[in-house]
Amino acid sequence: MLNPHYSYVDKSIFDEGNITTTFMDCVETFYSGDDDKQDQVVNYEFQKFQKREGTFGKKLARTCQNFDYNPVAWWRMCGVDTPNLQKMAMRILSLTSSSSGC
């Protein structure tokens, strides 16, 4: 949900209950013990991202629809209005996936 390529291409990703529940779990874990930041991310900052407000609504923000972009760099550029969500998204999207544990 935080990878703008997927959320800008298909807004219905925000309607997936499973994805939304997992996002809220991530916020609770990432900002464990800080109810104010959890509230800020879920109720204000995420809404800006979802509704394409502020920098998320700019024409340059839509460049994420291309496959050859860096989602962390995108959040660094476009997420300035949502610093808590920006920090969380950049950390999550910086993780490398691996199947070596399998």
C-alpha atoms as a PDB file:
ATOM      1  CA  MET A   1       0.000   0.000   0.000  1.00  0.00           C
ATOM      2  CA  LEU A   2       2.895   2.389   0.681  1.00  0.00           C
ATOM      3  CA  ASN A   3       4.587   1.639  -2.628  1.00  0.00           C
ATOM      4  CA  PRO A   4       3.238   4.493  -4.732  1.00  0.00           C
ATOM      5  CA  HIS A   5       3.539   2.508  -7.957  1.00  0.00           C
ATOM      6  CA  TYR A   6       0.744   0.200  -6.847  1.00  0.00           C
ATOM      7  CA  SER A   7      -1.427   2.758  -5.063  1.00  0.00           C
ATOM      8  CA  TYR A   8      -1.307   5.301  -7.895  1.00  0.00           C
ATOM      9  CA  VAL A   9      -2.017   2.703 -10.573  1.00  0.00           C
ATOM     10  CA  ASP A  10      -4.956   1.132  -8.696  1.00  0.00           C
ATOM     11  CA  LYS A  11      -6.685   3.161  -5.967  1.00  0.00           C
ATOM     12  CA  SER A  12      -8.783   0.142  -4.989  1.00  0.00           C
ATOM     13  CA  ILE A  13      -5.777  -1.094  -3.000  1.00  0.00           C
ATOM     14  CA  PHE A  14      -7.026   1.191  -0.218  1.00  0.00           C
ATOM     15  CA  ASP A  15     -10.289  -0.764  -0.072  1.00  0.00           C
ATOM     16  CA  GLU A  16      -8.621  -4.091   0.703  1.00  0.00           C
ATOM     17  CA  GLY A  17      -9.454  -4.864   4.340  1.00  0.00           C
ATOM     18  CA  ASN A  18      -6.510  -7.214   4.774  1.00  0.00           C
ATOM     19  CA  ILE A  19      -4.038  -4.624   3.520  1.00  0.00           C
ATOM     20  CA  THR A  20      -5.536  -1.869   5.671  1.00  0.00           C
ATOM     21  CA  THR A  21      -5.408  -4.037   8.799  1.00  0.00           C
ATOM     22  CA  THR A  22      -1.784  -4.932   8.111  1.00  0.00           C
ATOM     23  CA  PHE A  23      -0.936  -1.267   7.559  1.00  0.00           C
ATOM     24  CA  MET A  24      -2.437  -0.366  10.935  1.00  0.00           C
ATOM     25  CA  ASP A  25      -0.474  -3.189  12.575  1.00  0.00           C
ATOM     26  CA  CYS A  26       2.714  -1.796  11.016  1.00  0.00           C
ATOM     27  CA  VAL A  27       1.956   1.695  12.321  1.00  0.00           C
ATOM     28  CA  GLU A  28       1.361   0.323  15.824  1.00  0.00           C
ATOM     29  CA  THR A  29       4.629  -1.592  15.700  1.00  0.00           C
ATOM     30  CA  PHE A  30       6.700   1.161  14.096  1.00  0.00           C
ATOM     31  CA  TYR A  31       5.482   3.824  16.526  1.00  0.00           C
ATOM     32  CA  SER A  32       5.022   1.484  19.492  1.00  0.00           C
ATOM     33  CA  GLY A  33       4.170   3.400  22.638  1.00  0.00           C
ATOM     34  CA  ASP A  34       3.640   6.713  20.830  1.00  0.00           C
ATOM     35  CA  ASP A  35      -0.121   7.046  20.491  1.00  0.00           C
ATOM     36  CA  ASP A  36       0.132  10.614  19.166  1.00  0.00           C
ATOM     37  CA  LYS A  37       2.303   9.591  16.200  1.00  0.00           C
ATOM     38  CA  GLN A  38       0.116   6.560  15.498  1.00  0.00           C
ATOM     39  CA  ASP A  39      -2.924   8.845  15.423  1.00  0.00           C
ATOM     40  CA  GLN A  40      -1.110  11.382  13.239  1.00  0.00           C
ATOM     41  CA  VAL A  41      -0.040   8.740  10.693  1.00  0.00           C
ATOM     42  CA  VAL A  42      -3.362   6.895  10.446  1.00  0.00           C
ATOM     43  CA  ASN A  43      -5.836   9.758  10.726  1.00  0.00           C
ATOM     44  CA  TYR A  44      -4.061  12.667   9.037  1.00  0.00           C
ATOM     45  CA  GLU A  45      -0.939  11.801   7.072  1.00  0.00           C
ATOM     46  CA  PHE A  46      -2.234   8.620   5.454  1.00  0.00           C
ATOM     47  CA  GLN A  47      -5.392  10.463   4.409  1.00  0.00           C
ATOM     48  CA  LYS A  48      -3.261  13.021   2.537  1.00  0.00           C
ATOM     49  CA  PHE A  49      -1.464  10.200   0.729  1.00  0.00           C
ATOM     50  CA  GLN A  50      -4.684   8.364  -0.076  1.00  0.00           C
ATOM     51  CA  LYS A  51      -6.525  11.479  -1.319  1.00  0.00           C
ATOM     52  CA  ARG A  52      -3.472  12.806  -3.247  1.00  0.00           C
ATOM     53  CA  GLU A  53      -3.367  16.075  -1.313  1.00  0.00           C
ATOM     54  CA  GLY A  54      -0.421  18.462  -1.153  1.00  0.00           C
ATOM     55  CA  THR A  55       2.744  17.158  -2.786  1.00  0.00           C
ATOM     56  CA  PHE A  56       1.046  13.809  -3.471  1.00  0.00           C
ATOM     57  CA  GLY A  57      -1.230  15.527  -5.975  1.00  0.00           C
ATOM     58  CA  LYS A  58       1.512  17.146  -8.033  1.00  0.00           C
ATOM     59  CA  LYS A  59       2.193  16.001 -11.580  1.00  0.00           C
ATOM     60  CA  LEU A  60       5.714  14.861 -10.653  1.00  0.00           C
ATOM     61  CA  ALA A  61       4.283  12.550  -7.995  1.00  0.00           C
ATOM     62  CA  ARG A  62       2.637  10.506 -10.734  1.00  0.00           C
ATOM     63  CA  THR A  63       6.033   9.511 -12.178  1.00  0.00           C
ATOM     64  CA  CYS A  64       5.826   6.508  -9.854  1.00  0.00           C
ATOM     65  CA  GLN A  65       3.543   4.872 -12.397  1.00  0.00           C
ATOM     66  CA  ASN A  66       6.686   3.949 -14.329  1.00  0.00           C
ATOM     67  CA  PHE A  67       8.502   0.774 -13.334  1.00  0.00           C
ATOM     68  CA  ASP A  68      11.940   2.410 -13.350  1.00  0.00           C
ATOM     69  CA  TYR A  69      11.651   4.622 -10.290  1.00  0.00           C
ATOM     70  CA  ASN A  70      12.929   4.332  -6.731  1.00  0.00           C
ATOM     71  CA  PRO A  71      10.074   4.317  -4.183  1.00  0.00           C
ATOM     72  CA  VAL A  72      12.349   5.513  -1.358  1.00  0.00           C
ATOM     73  CA  ALA A  73      13.515   8.493  -3.419  1.00  0.00           C
ATOM     74  CA  TRP A  74       9.876   9.154  -4.313  1.00  0.00           C
ATOM     75  CA  TRP A  75       8.904   9.285  -0.621  1.00  0.00           C
ATOM     76  CA  ARG A  76      11.889  11.507   0.116  1.00  0.00           C
ATOM     77  CA  MET A  77      10.666  13.956  -2.532  1.00  0.00           C
ATOM     78  CA  CYS A  78       6.878  13.698  -2.221  1.00  0.00           C
ATOM     79  CA  GLY A  79       6.354  12.830   1.440  1.00  0.00           C
ATOM     80  CA  VAL A  80       7.566  16.104   2.949  1.00  0.00           C
ATOM     81  CA  ASP A  81       4.044  17.053   4.085  1.00  0.00           C
ATOM     82  CA  THR A  82       3.735  13.793   6.026  1.00  0.00           C
ATOM     83  CA  PRO A  83       7.010  13.356   7.962  1.00  0.00           C
ATOM     84  CA  ASN A  84       5.923  10.436  10.151  1.00  0.00           C
ATOM     85  CA  LEU A  85       4.431   8.438   7.300  1.00  0.00           C
ATOM     86  CA  GLN A  86       7.422   9.374   5.139  1.00  0.00           C
ATOM     87  CA  LYS A  87       9.873   7.984   7.705  1.00  0.00           C
ATOM     88  CA  MET A  88       7.922   4.746   8.056  1.00  0.00           C
ATOM     89  CA  ALA A  89       7.442   4.267   4.301  1.00  0.00           C
ATOM     90  CA  MET A  90      11.113   4.896   3.553  1.00  0.00           C
ATOM     91  CA  ARG A  91      12.205   2.330   6.137  1.00  0.00           C
ATOM     92  CA  ILE A  92       9.758  -0.310   4.954  1.00  0.00           C
ATOM     93  CA  LEU A  93      10.467   0.222   1.260  1.00  0.00           C
ATOM     94  CA  SER A  94      14.229   0.124   1.906  1.00  0.00           C
ATOM     95  CA  LEU A  95      13.984  -3.465   3.129  1.00  0.00           C
ATOM     96  CA  THR A  96      15.217  -5.998   0.629  1.00  0.00           C
ATOM     97  CA  SER A  97      13.133  -9.095   0.114  1.00  0.00           C
ATOM     98  CA  SER A  98      14.820 -12.438   0.114  1.00  0.00           C
ATOM     99  CA  SER A  99      13.858 -16.069  -0.068  1.00  0.00           C
ATOM    100  CA  SER A 100      17.115 -17.265   1.478  1.00  0.00           C
ATOM    101  CA  GLY A 101      15.259 -18.225   4.683  1.00  0.00           C
ATOM    102  CA  CYS A 102      13.308 -20.756   2.668  1.00  0.00           C
END
